[in-house]
Amino acid sequence: PTKTLAKIASKLCKQYPKLDGCCCMYRQGDIEKVLRGFP
């Protein structure tokens, strides 16, 4: 939903090749889970 979150999603995409080049992050629960582990 925002540029800052898109930056984080792009970093996740690099870490997980199974995402096949795109990480779409929009559910609030998923975003919270990601943010809890993001430095």
PDB file of all heavy atoms in Angstrom:
ATOM      1  N   PRO A   1       0.793  -1.240   0.000  1.00  0.00           N
ATOM      2  CA  PRO A   1       0.000   0.000   0.000  1.00  0.00           C
ATOM      3  C   PRO A   1       0.819   1.281   0.000  1.00  0.00           C
ATOM      4  O   PRO A   1       0.282   2.343  -0.335  1.00  0.00           O
ATOM      5  CB  PRO A   1      -0.822  -0.110   1.294  1.00  0.00           C
ATOM      6  CG  PRO A   1      -0.875  -1.573   1.590  1.00  0.00           C
ATOM      7  CD  PRO A   1       0.429  -2.118   1.130  1.00  0.00           C
ATOM      8  N   THR A   2       2.105   1.250   0.405  1.00  0.00           N
ATOM      9  CA  THR A   2       2.930   2.454   0.434  1.00  0.00           C
ATOM     10  C   THR A   2       4.308   2.138  -0.142  1.00  0.00           C
ATOM     11  O   THR A   2       4.706   0.970  -0.266  1.00  0.00           O
ATOM     12  CB  THR A   2       3.115   2.985   1.874  1.00  0.00           C
ATOM     13  OG1 THR A   2       3.927   2.056   2.613  1.00  0.00           O
ATOM     14  CG2 THR A   2       1.774   3.165   2.572  1.00  0.00           C
ATOM     15  N   LYS A   3       5.052   3.199  -0.460  1.00  0.00           N
ATOM     16  CA  LYS A   3       6.393   3.015  -1.013  1.00  0.00           C
ATOM     17  C   LYS A   3       7.324   2.361   0.001  1.00  0.00           C
ATOM     18  O   LYS A   3       8.150   1.510  -0.350  1.00  0.00           O
ATOM     19  CB  LYS A   3       6.964   4.362  -1.476  1.00  0.00           C
ATOM     20  CG  LYS A   3       6.254   4.943  -2.680  1.00  0.00           C
ATOM     21  CD  LYS A   3       6.710   6.368  -2.992  1.00  0.00           C
ATOM     22  CE  LYS A   3       8.021   6.403  -3.727  1.00  0.00           C
ATOM     23  NZ  LYS A   3       8.355   7.777  -4.185  1.00  0.00           N
ATOM     24  N   THR A   4       7.212   2.741   1.273  1.00  0.00           N
ATOM     25  CA  THR A   4       8.074   2.162   2.295  1.00  0.00           C
ATOM     26  C   THR A   4       7.805   0.676   2.459  1.00  0.00           C
ATOM     27  O   THR A   4       8.742  -0.138   2.558  1.00  0.00           O
ATOM     28  CB  THR A   4       7.868   2.891   3.641  1.00  0.00           C
ATOM     29  OG1 THR A   4       8.125   4.291   3.455  1.00  0.00           O
ATOM     30  CG2 THR A   4       8.803   2.347   4.704  1.00  0.00           C
ATOM     31  N   LEU A   5       6.542   0.280   2.475  1.00  0.00           N
ATOM     32  CA  LEU A   5       6.206  -1.135   2.573  1.00  0.00           C
ATOM     33  C   LEU A   5       6.597  -1.884   1.302  1.00  0.00           C
ATOM     34  O   LEU A   5       6.993  -3.055   1.362  1.00  0.00           O
ATOM     35  CB  LEU A   5       4.710  -1.297   2.850  1.00  0.00           C
ATOM     36  CG  LEU A   5       4.239  -0.894   4.254  1.00  0.00           C
ATOM     37  CD1 LEU A   5       2.717  -0.944   4.342  1.00  0.00           C
ATOM     38  CD2 LEU A   5       4.861  -1.801   5.319  1.00  0.00           C
ATOM     39  N   ALA A   6       6.502  -1.223   0.143  1.00  0.00           N
ATOM     40  CA  ALA A   6       6.915  -1.865  -1.107  1.00  0.00           C
ATOM     41  C   ALA A   6       8.411  -2.163  -1.093  1.00  0.00           C
ATOM     42  O   ALA A   6       8.863  -3.193  -1.606  1.00  0.00           O
ATOM     43  CB  ALA A   6       6.558  -0.979  -2.296  1.00  0.00           C
ATOM     44  N   LYS A   7       9.205  -1.264  -0.499  1.00  0.00           N
ATOM     45  CA  LYS A   7      10.640  -1.494  -0.347  1.00  0.00           C
ATOM     46  C   LYS A   7      10.894  -2.758   0.477  1.00  0.00           C
ATOM     47  O   LYS A   7      11.751  -3.589   0.142  1.00  0.00           O
ATOM     48  CB  LYS A   7      11.288  -0.296   0.343  1.00  0.00           C
ATOM     49  CG  LYS A   7      11.837   0.766  -0.578  1.00  0.00           C
ATOM     50  CD  LYS A   7      13.262   0.421  -0.983  1.00  0.00           C
ATOM     51  CE  LYS A   7      14.016   1.599  -1.501  1.00  0.00           C
ATOM     52  NZ  LYS A   7      15.401   1.265  -1.887  1.00  0.00           N
ATOM     53  N   ILE A   8      10.154  -2.898   1.562  1.00  0.00           N
ATOM     54  CA  ILE A   8      10.305  -4.073   2.421  1.00  0.00           C
ATOM     55  C   ILE A   8       9.890  -5.333   1.669  1.00  0.00           C
ATOM     56  O   ILE A   8      10.560  -6.373   1.734  1.00  0.00           O
ATOM     57  CB  ILE A   8       9.484  -3.893   3.711  1.00  0.00           C
ATOM     58  CG1 ILE A   8      10.073  -2.759   4.559  1.00  0.00           C
ATOM     59  CG2 ILE A   8       9.425  -5.194   4.508  1.00  0.00           C
ATOM     60  CD1 ILE A   8       9.257  -2.406   5.791  1.00  0.00           C
ATOM     61  N   ALA A   9       8.798  -5.246   0.928  1.00  0.00           N
ATOM     62  CA  ALA A   9       8.327  -6.410   0.164  1.00  0.00           C
ATOM     63  C   ALA A   9       9.350  -6.826  -0.893  1.00  0.00           C
ATOM     64  O   ALA A   9       9.541  -8.019  -1.155  1.00  0.00           O
ATOM     65  CB  ALA A   9       6.980  -6.087  -0.491  1.00  0.00           C
ATOM     66  N   SER A  10      10.023  -5.857  -1.497  1.00  0.00           N
ATOM     67  CA  SER A  10      11.044  -6.171  -2.492  1.00  0.00           C
ATOM     68  C   SER A  10      12.213  -6.925  -1.857  1.00  0.00           C
ATOM     69  O   SER A  10      12.760  -7.867  -2.445  1.00  0.00           O
ATOM     70  CB  SER A  10      11.538  -4.887  -3.161  1.00  0.00           C
ATOM     71  OG  SER A  10      12.544  -5.159  -4.108  1.00  0.00           O
ATOM     72  N   LYS A  11      12.604  -6.513  -0.650  1.00  0.00           N
ATOM     73  CA  LYS A  11      13.678  -7.227   0.058  1.00  0.00           C
ATOM     74  C   LYS A  11      13.264  -8.660   0.360  1.00  0.00           C
ATOM     75  O   LYS A  11      14.065  -9.595   0.241  1.00  0.00           O
ATOM     76  CB  LYS A  11      14.032  -6.485   1.349  1.00  0.00           C
ATOM     77  CG  LYS A  11      14.801  -5.187   1.148  1.00  0.00           C
ATOM     78  CD  LYS A  11      15.107  -4.524   2.482  1.00  0.00           C
ATOM     79  CE  LYS A  11      15.897  -3.230   2.294  1.00  0.00           C
ATOM     80  NZ  LYS A  11      17.281  -3.489   1.857  1.00  0.00           N
ATOM     81  N   LEU A  12      12.005  -8.851   0.750  1.00  0.00           N
ATOM     82  CA  LEU A  12      11.517 -10.207   0.999  1.00  0.00           C
ATOM     83  C   LEU A  12      11.565 -11.051  -0.264  1.00  0.00           C
ATOM     84  O   LEU A  12      11.894 -12.240  -0.230  1.00  0.00           O
ATOM     85  CB  LEU A  12      10.079 -10.161   1.517  1.00  0.00           C
ATOM     86  CG  LEU A  12       9.857  -9.777   2.976  1.00  0.00           C
ATOM     87  CD1 LEU A  12       8.366  -9.839   3.296  1.00  0.00           C
ATOM     88  CD2 LEU A  12      10.624 -10.693   3.906  1.00  0.00           C
ATOM     89  N   CYS A  13      11.228 -10.420  -1.380  1.00  0.00           N
ATOM     90  CA  CYS A  13      11.229 -11.132  -2.659  1.00  0.00           C
ATOM     91  C   CYS A  13      12.611 -11.669  -2.989  1.00  0.00           C
ATOM     92  O   CYS A  13      12.747 -12.769  -3.534  1.00  0.00           O
ATOM     93  CB  CYS A  13      10.731 -10.197  -3.757  1.00  0.00           C
ATOM     94  SG  CYS A  13      10.417 -11.011  -5.327  1.00  0.00           S
ATOM     95  N   LYS A  14      13.655 -10.901  -2.661  1.00  0.00           N
ATOM     96  CA  LYS A  14      15.024 -11.372  -2.898  1.00  0.00           C
ATOM     97  C   LYS A  14      15.359 -12.581  -2.030  1.00  0.00           C
ATOM     98  O   LYS A  14      16.100 -13.467  -2.436  1.00  0.00           O
ATOM     99  CB  LYS A  14      16.022 -10.242  -2.615  1.00  0.00           C
ATOM    100  CG  LYS A  14      16.012  -9.096  -3.611  1.00  0.00           C
ATOM    101  CD  LYS A  14      17.035  -8.045  -3.200  1.00  0.00           C
ATOM    102  CE  LYS A  14      16.986  -6.848  -4.134  1.00  0.00           C
ATOM    103  NZ  LYS A  14      17.490  -7.170  -5.479  1.00  0.00           N
ATOM    104  N   GLN A  15      14.810 -12.618  -0.820  1.00  0.00           N
ATOM    105  CA  GLN A  15      15.136 -13.681   0.122  1.00  0.00           C
ATOM    106  C   GLN A  15      14.438 -14.993  -0.201  1.00  0.00           C
ATOM    107  O   GLN A  15      14.917 -16.059   0.180  1.00  0.00           O
ATOM    108  CB  GLN A  15      14.777 -13.245   1.550  1.00  0.00           C
ATOM    109  CG  GLN A  15      15.570 -12.048   2.049  1.00  0.00           C
ATOM    110  CD  GLN A  15      15.069 -11.569   3.401  1.00  0.00           C
ATOM    111  OE1 GLN A  15      14.333 -12.267   4.098  1.00  0.00           O
ATOM    112  NE2 GLN A  15      15.459 -10.350   3.781  1.00  0.00           N
ATOM    113  N   TYR A  16      13.297 -14.915  -0.881  1.00  0.00           N
ATOM    114  CA  TYR A  16      12.493 -16.117  -1.119  1.00  0.00           C
ATOM    115  C   TYR A  16      12.244 -16.295  -2.621  1.00  0.00           C
ATOM    116  O   TYR A  16      11.277 -15.767  -3.170  1.00  0.00           O
ATOM    117  CB  TYR A  16      11.166 -16.017  -0.377  1.00  0.00           C
ATOM    118  CG  TYR A  16      11.327 -15.899   1.126  1.00  0.00           C
ATOM    119  CD1 TYR A  16      11.208 -14.663   1.766  1.00  0.00           C
ATOM    120  CD2 TYR A  16      11.637 -17.016   1.895  1.00  0.00           C
ATOM    121  CE1 TYR A  16      11.373 -14.548   3.134  1.00  0.00           C
ATOM    122  CE2 TYR A  16      11.803 -16.912   3.272  1.00  0.00           C
ATOM    123  CZ  TYR A  16      11.674 -15.680   3.880  1.00  0.00           C
ATOM    124  OH  TYR A  16      11.843 -15.563   5.245  1.00  0.00           O
ATOM    125  N   PRO A  17      13.115 -17.072  -3.291  1.00  0.00           N
ATOM    126  CA  PRO A  17      12.961 -17.274  -4.744  1.00  0.00           C
ATOM    127  C   PRO A  17      11.622 -17.895  -5.135  1.00  0.00           C
ATOM    128  O   PRO A  17      11.158 -17.701  -6.266  1.00  0.00           O
ATOM    129  CB  PRO A  17      14.119 -18.231  -5.069  1.00  0.00           C
ATOM    130  CG  PRO A  17      15.117 -18.034  -3.963  1.00  0.00           C
ATOM    131  CD  PRO A  17      14.316 -17.727  -2.751  1.00  0.00           C
ATOM    132  N   LYS A  18      10.975 -18.620  -4.214  1.00  0.00           N
ATOM    133  CA  LYS A  18       9.700 -19.252  -4.541  1.00  0.00           C
ATOM    134  C   LYS A  18       8.609 -18.225  -4.854  1.00  0.00           C
ATOM    135  O   LYS A  18       7.569 -18.578  -5.430  1.00  0.00           O
ATOM    136  CB  LYS A  18       9.247 -20.143  -3.385  1.00  0.00           C
ATOM    137  CG  LYS A  18      10.075 -21.413  -3.212  1.00  0.00           C
ATOM    138  CD  LYS A  18       9.515 -22.285  -2.099  1.00  0.00           C
ATOM    139  CE  LYS A  18      10.330 -23.568  -1.952  1.00  0.00           C
ATOM    140  NZ  LYS A  18       9.806 -24.449  -0.871  1.00  0.00           N
ATOM    141  N   LEU A  19       8.841 -16.975  -4.479  1.00  0.00           N
ATOM    142  CA  LEU A  19       7.857 -15.937  -4.779  1.00  0.00           C
ATOM    143  C   LEU A  19       7.808 -15.608  -6.271  1.00  0.00           C
ATOM    144  O   LEU A  19       6.947 -14.847  -6.715  1.00  0.00           O
ATOM    145  CB  LEU A  19       8.165 -14.674  -3.974  1.00  0.00           C
ATOM    146  CG  LEU A  19       7.943 -14.786  -2.459  1.00  0.00           C
ATOM    147  CD1 LEU A  19       8.449 -13.543  -1.739  1.00  0.00           C
ATOM    148  CD2 LEU A  19       6.464 -14.996  -2.155  1.00  0.00           C
ATOM    149  N   ASP A  20       8.768 -16.125  -7.029  1.00  0.00           N
ATOM    150  CA  ASP A  20       8.758 -15.992  -8.498  1.00  0.00           C
ATOM    151  C   ASP A  20       8.795 -14.539  -8.958  1.00  0.00           C
ATOM    152  O   ASP A  20       8.084 -14.130  -9.870  1.00  0.00           O
ATOM    153  CB  ASP A  20       7.530 -16.695  -9.078  1.00  0.00           C
ATOM    154  CG  ASP A  20       7.617 -16.893 -10.590  1.00  0.00           C
ATOM    155  OD1 ASP A  20       8.751 -16.897 -11.123  1.00  0.00           O
ATOM    156  OD2 ASP A  20       6.553 -17.026 -11.231  1.00  0.00           O
ATOM    157  N   GLY A  21       9.622 -13.735  -8.292  1.00  0.00           N
ATOM    158  CA  GLY A  21       9.865 -12.379  -8.768  1.00  0.00           C
ATOM    159  C   GLY A  21       8.953 -11.310  -8.223  1.00  0.00           C
ATOM    160  O   GLY A  21       9.159 -10.124  -8.502  1.00  0.00           O
ATOM    161  N   CYS A  22       7.925 -11.674  -7.427  1.00  0.00           N
ATOM    162  CA  CYS A  22       7.008 -10.648  -6.919  1.00  0.00           C
ATOM    163  C   CYS A  22       6.482 -11.035  -5.549  1.00  0.00           C
ATOM    164  O   CYS A  22       6.007 -12.163  -5.348  1.00  0.00           O
ATOM    165  CB  CYS A  22       5.838 -10.441  -7.880  1.00  0.00           C
ATOM    166  SG  CYS A  22       4.619  -9.237  -7.286  1.00  0.00           S
ATOM    167  N   CYS A  23       6.537 -10.093  -4.622  1.00  0.00           N
ATOM    168  CA  CYS A  23       5.943 -10.248  -3.293  1.00  0.00           C
ATOM    169  C   CYS A  23       4.887  -9.166  -3.134  1.00  0.00           C
ATOM    170  O   CYS A  23       5.210  -7.982  -3.059  1.00  0.00           O
ATOM    171  CB  CYS A  23       7.008 -10.126  -2.201  1.00  0.00           C
ATOM    172  SG  CYS A  23       6.342 -10.142  -0.519  1.00  0.00           S
ATOM    173  N   CYS A  24       3.627  -9.588  -3.118  1.00  0.00           N
ATOM    174  CA  CYS A  24       2.513  -8.644  -2.974  1.00  0.00           C
ATOM    175  C   CYS A  24       2.018  -8.721  -1.526  1.00  0.00           C
ATOM    176  O   CYS A  24       1.498  -9.751  -1.086  1.00  0.00           O
ATOM    177  CB  CYS A  24       1.392  -8.983  -3.954  1.00  0.00           C
ATOM    178  SG  CYS A  24       0.080  -7.737  -4.020  1.00  0.00           S
ATOM    179  N   MET A  25       2.194  -7.635  -0.813  1.00  0.00           N
ATOM    180  CA  MET A  25       1.945  -7.611   0.630  1.00  0.00           C
ATOM    181  C   MET A  25       0.822  -6.609   0.908  1.00  0.00           C
ATOM    182  O   MET A  25       1.019  -5.396   0.795  1.00  0.00           O
ATOM    183  CB  MET A  25       3.247  -7.190   1.333  1.00  0.00           C
ATOM    184  CG  MET A  25       3.314  -7.458   2.803  1.00  0.00           C
ATOM    185  SD  MET A  25       5.018  -7.245   3.442  1.00  0.00           S
ATOM    186  CE  MET A  25       5.248  -5.475   3.245  1.00  0.00           C
ATOM    187  N   TYR A  26      -0.370  -7.136   1.276  1.00  0.00           N
ATOM    188  CA  TYR A  26      -1.497  -6.220   1.458  1.00  0.00           C
ATOM    189  C   TYR A  26      -2.362  -6.560   2.668  1.00  0.00           C
ATOM    190  O   TYR A  26      -3.042  -5.689   3.202  1.00  0.00           O
ATOM    191  CB  TYR A  26      -2.367  -6.193   0.195  1.00  0.00           C
ATOM    192  CG  TYR A  26      -2.952  -7.536  -0.189  1.00  0.00           C
ATOM    193  CD1 TYR A  26      -4.210  -7.926   0.241  1.00  0.00           C
ATOM    194  CD2 TYR A  26      -2.232  -8.412  -0.999  1.00  0.00           C
ATOM    195  CE1 TYR A  26      -4.743  -9.146  -0.111  1.00  0.00           C
ATOM    196  CE2 TYR A  26      -2.760  -9.647  -1.360  1.00  0.00           C
ATOM    197  CZ  TYR A  26      -4.008 -10.011  -0.914  1.00  0.00           C
ATOM    198  OH  TYR A  26      -4.524 -11.230  -1.262  1.00  0.00           O
ATOM    199  N   ARG A  27      -2.379  -7.809   3.123  1.00  0.00           N
ATOM    200  CA  ARG A  27      -3.169  -8.151   4.305  1.00  0.00           C
ATOM    201  C   ARG A  27      -2.485  -7.605   5.551  1.00  0.00           C
ATOM    202  O   ARG A  27      -1.291  -7.785   5.744  1.00  0.00           O
ATOM    203  CB  ARG A  27      -3.339  -9.663   4.431  1.00  0.00           C
ATOM    204  CG  ARG A  27      -4.095 -10.319   3.282  1.00  0.00           C
ATOM    205  CD  ARG A  27      -4.339 -11.786   3.587  1.00  0.00           C
ATOM    206  NE  ARG A  27      -4.972 -12.473   2.479  1.00  0.00           N
ATOM    207  CZ  ARG A  27      -4.317 -13.076   1.503  1.00  0.00           C
ATOM    208  NH1 ARG A  27      -2.981 -13.086   1.509  1.00  0.00           N
ATOM    209  NH2 ARG A  27      -4.954 -13.681   0.522  1.00  0.00           N
ATOM    210  N   GLN A  28      -3.258  -6.985   6.447  1.00  0.00           N
ATOM    211  CA  GLN A  28      -2.678  -6.361   7.625  1.00  0.00           C
ATOM    212  C   GLN A  28      -1.954  -7.374   8.502  1.00  0.00           C
ATOM    213  O   GLN A  28      -0.894  -7.100   9.059  1.00  0.00           O
ATOM    214  CB  GLN A  28      -3.765  -5.646   8.439  1.00  0.00           C
ATOM    215  CG  GLN A  28      -3.222  -4.803   9.596  1.00  0.00           C
ATOM    216  CD  GLN A  28      -2.192  -3.780   9.155  1.00  0.00           C
ATOM    217  OE1 GLN A  28      -2.389  -3.087   8.152  1.00  0.00           O
ATOM    218  NE2 GLN A  28      -1.083  -3.680   9.872  1.00  0.00           N
ATOM    219  N   GLY A  29      -2.521  -8.567   8.614  1.00  0.00           N
ATOM    220  CA  GLY A  29      -1.869  -9.598   9.415  1.00  0.00           C
ATOM    221  C   GLY A  29      -0.522 -10.001   8.849  1.00  0.00           C
ATOM    222  O   GLY A  29       0.450 -10.203   9.601  1.00  0.00           O
ATOM    223  N   ASP A  30      -0.429 -10.126   7.528  1.00  0.00           N
ATOM    224  CA  ASP A  30       0.839 -10.469   6.887  1.00  0.00           C
ATOM    225  C   ASP A  30       1.853  -9.345   7.060  1.00  0.00           C
ATOM    226  O   ASP A  30       3.042  -9.601   7.302  1.00  0.00           O
ATOM    227  CB  ASP A  30       0.621 -10.751   5.399  1.00  0.00           C
ATOM    228  CG  ASP A  30      -0.221 -12.008   5.167  1.00  0.00           C
ATOM    229  OD1 ASP A  30      -0.281 -12.845   6.085  1.00  0.00           O
ATOM    230  OD2 ASP A  30      -0.811 -12.130   4.076  1.00  0.00           O
ATOM    231  N   ILE A  31       1.397  -8.105   6.910  1.00  0.00           N
ATOM    232  CA  ILE A  31       2.300  -6.961   7.057  1.00  0.00           C
ATOM    233  C   ILE A  31       2.870  -6.919   8.476  1.00  0.00           C
ATOM    234  O   ILE A  31       4.072  -6.737   8.679  1.00  0.00           O
ATOM    235  CB  ILE A  31       1.565  -5.650   6.717  1.00  0.00           C
ATOM    236  CG1 ILE A  31       1.231  -5.606   5.220  1.00  0.00           C
ATOM    237  CG2 ILE A  31       2.413  -4.442   7.118  1.00  0.00           C
ATOM    238  CD1 ILE A  31       0.390  -4.410   4.814  1.00  0.00           C
ATOM    239  N   GLU A  32       1.993  -7.130   9.473  1.00  0.00           N
ATOM    240  CA  GLU A  32       2.473  -7.122  10.860  1.00  0.00           C
ATOM    241  C   GLU A  32       3.507  -8.218  11.086  1.00  0.00           C
ATOM    242  O   GLU A  32       4.537  -7.983  11.741  1.00  0.00           O
ATOM    243  CB  GLU A  32       1.302  -7.310  11.826  1.00  0.00           C
ATOM    244  CG  GLU A  32       1.736  -7.358  13.280  1.00  0.00           C
ATOM    245  CD  GLU A  32       0.572  -7.530  14.244  1.00  0.00           C
ATOM    246  OE1 GLU A  32      -0.557  -7.119  13.897  1.00  0.00           O
ATOM    247  OE2 GLU A  32       0.792  -8.085  15.340  1.00  0.00           O
ATOM    248  N   LYS A  33       3.267  -9.403  10.557  1.00  0.00           N
ATOM    249  CA  LYS A  33       4.214 -10.510  10.725  1.00  0.00           C
ATOM    250  C   LYS A  33       5.573 -10.164  10.123  1.00  0.00           C
ATOM    251  O   LYS A  33       6.622 -10.436  10.718  1.00  0.00           O
ATOM    252  CB  LYS A  33       3.650 -11.766  10.064  1.00  0.00           C
ATOM    253  CG  LYS A  33       4.526 -12.991  10.223  1.00  0.00           C
ATOM    254  CD  LYS A  33       3.878 -14.213   9.568  1.00  0.00           C
ATOM    255  CE  LYS A  33       4.777 -15.437   9.695  1.00  0.00           C
ATOM    256  NZ  LYS A  33       4.152 -16.625   9.049  1.00  0.00           N
ATOM    257  N   VAL A  34       5.554  -9.538   8.962  1.00  0.00           N
ATOM    258  CA  VAL A  34       6.808  -9.152   8.308  1.00  0.00           C
ATOM    259  C   VAL A  34       7.533  -8.082   9.120  1.00  0.00           C
ATOM    260  O   VAL A  34       8.738  -8.157   9.358  1.00  0.00           O
ATOM    261  CB  VAL A  34       6.534  -8.658   6.873  1.00  0.00           C
ATOM    262  CG1 VAL A  34       7.781  -7.997   6.281  1.00  0.00           C
ATOM    263  CG2 VAL A  34       6.084  -9.818   5.993  1.00  0.00           C
ATOM    264  N   LEU A  35       6.790  -7.073   9.566  1.00  0.00           N
ATOM    265  CA  LEU A  35       7.406  -5.974  10.308  1.00  0.00           C
ATOM    266  C   LEU A  35       8.016  -6.451  11.625  1.00  0.00           C
ATOM    267  O   LEU A  35       9.020  -5.905  12.081  1.00  0.00           O
ATOM    268  CB  LEU A  35       6.381  -4.872  10.576  1.00  0.00           C
ATOM    269  CG  LEU A  35       5.801  -4.143   9.357  1.00  0.00           C
ATOM    270  CD1 LEU A  35       4.891  -3.004   9.805  1.00  0.00           C
ATOM    271  CD2 LEU A  35       6.894  -3.620   8.449  1.00  0.00           C
ATOM    272  N   ARG A  36       7.438  -7.463  12.232  1.00  0.00           N
ATOM    273  CA  ARG A  36       7.969  -7.971  13.499  1.00  0.00           C
ATOM    274  C   ARG A  36       9.361  -8.580  13.334  1.00  0.00           C
ATOM    275  O   ARG A  36      10.126  -8.646  14.300  1.00  0.00           O
ATOM    276  CB  ARG A  36       7.014  -9.004  14.098  1.00  0.00           C
ATOM    277  CG  ARG A  36       5.767  -8.402  14.707  1.00  0.00           C
ATOM    278  CD  ARG A  36       4.898  -9.460  15.364  1.00  0.00           C
ATOM    279  NE  ARG A  36       3.698  -8.902  15.961  1.00  0.00           N
ATOM    280  CZ  ARG A  36       3.629  -8.357  17.179  1.00  0.00           C
ATOM    281  NH1 ARG A  36       4.723  -8.321  17.934  1.00  0.00           N
ATOM    282  NH2 ARG A  36       2.504  -7.874  17.640  1.00  0.00           N
ATOM    283  N   GLY A  37       9.699  -9.011  12.118  1.00  0.00           N
ATOM    284  CA  GLY A  37      11.009  -9.609  11.897  1.00  0.00           C
ATOM    285  C   GLY A  37      11.953  -8.759  11.069  1.00  0.00           C
ATOM    286  O   GLY A  37      13.058  -9.196  10.741  1.00  0.00           O
ATOM    287  N   PHE A  38      11.524  -7.532  10.748  1.00  0.00           N
ATOM    288  CA  PHE A  38      12.322  -6.687   9.859  1.00  0.00           C
ATOM    289  C   PHE A  38      13.144  -5.698  10.690  1.00  0.00           C
ATOM    290  O   PHE A  38      12.589  -4.911  11.458  1.00  0.00           O
ATOM    291  CB  PHE A  38      11.410  -5.925   8.894  1.00  0.00           C
ATOM    292  CG  PHE A  38      12.128  -5.346   7.713  1.00  0.00           C
ATOM    293  CD1 PHE A  38      12.428  -6.135   6.616  1.00  0.00           C
ATOM    294  CD2 PHE A  38      12.519  -4.012   7.702  1.00  0.00           C
ATOM    295  CE1 PHE A  38      13.091  -5.612   5.512  1.00  0.00           C
ATOM    296  CE2 PHE A  38      13.185  -3.479   6.620  1.00  0.00           C
ATOM    297  CZ  PHE A  38      13.479  -4.283   5.512  1.00  0.00           C
ATOM    298  N   PRO A  39      14.494  -5.706  10.545  1.00  0.00           N
ATOM    299  CA  PRO A  39      15.342  -4.824  11.373  1.00  0.00           C
ATOM    300  C   PRO A  39      15.032  -3.356  11.144  1.00  0.00           C
ATOM    301  O   PRO A  39      14.833  -2.907  10.019  1.00  0.00           O
ATOM    302  CB  PRO A  39      16.764  -5.171  10.901  1.00  0.00           C
ATOM    303  CG  PRO A  39      16.649  -6.522  10.267  1.00  0.00           C
ATOM    304  CD  PRO A  39      15.280  -6.569   9.659  1.00  0.00           C
TER     305      PRO A  39
END
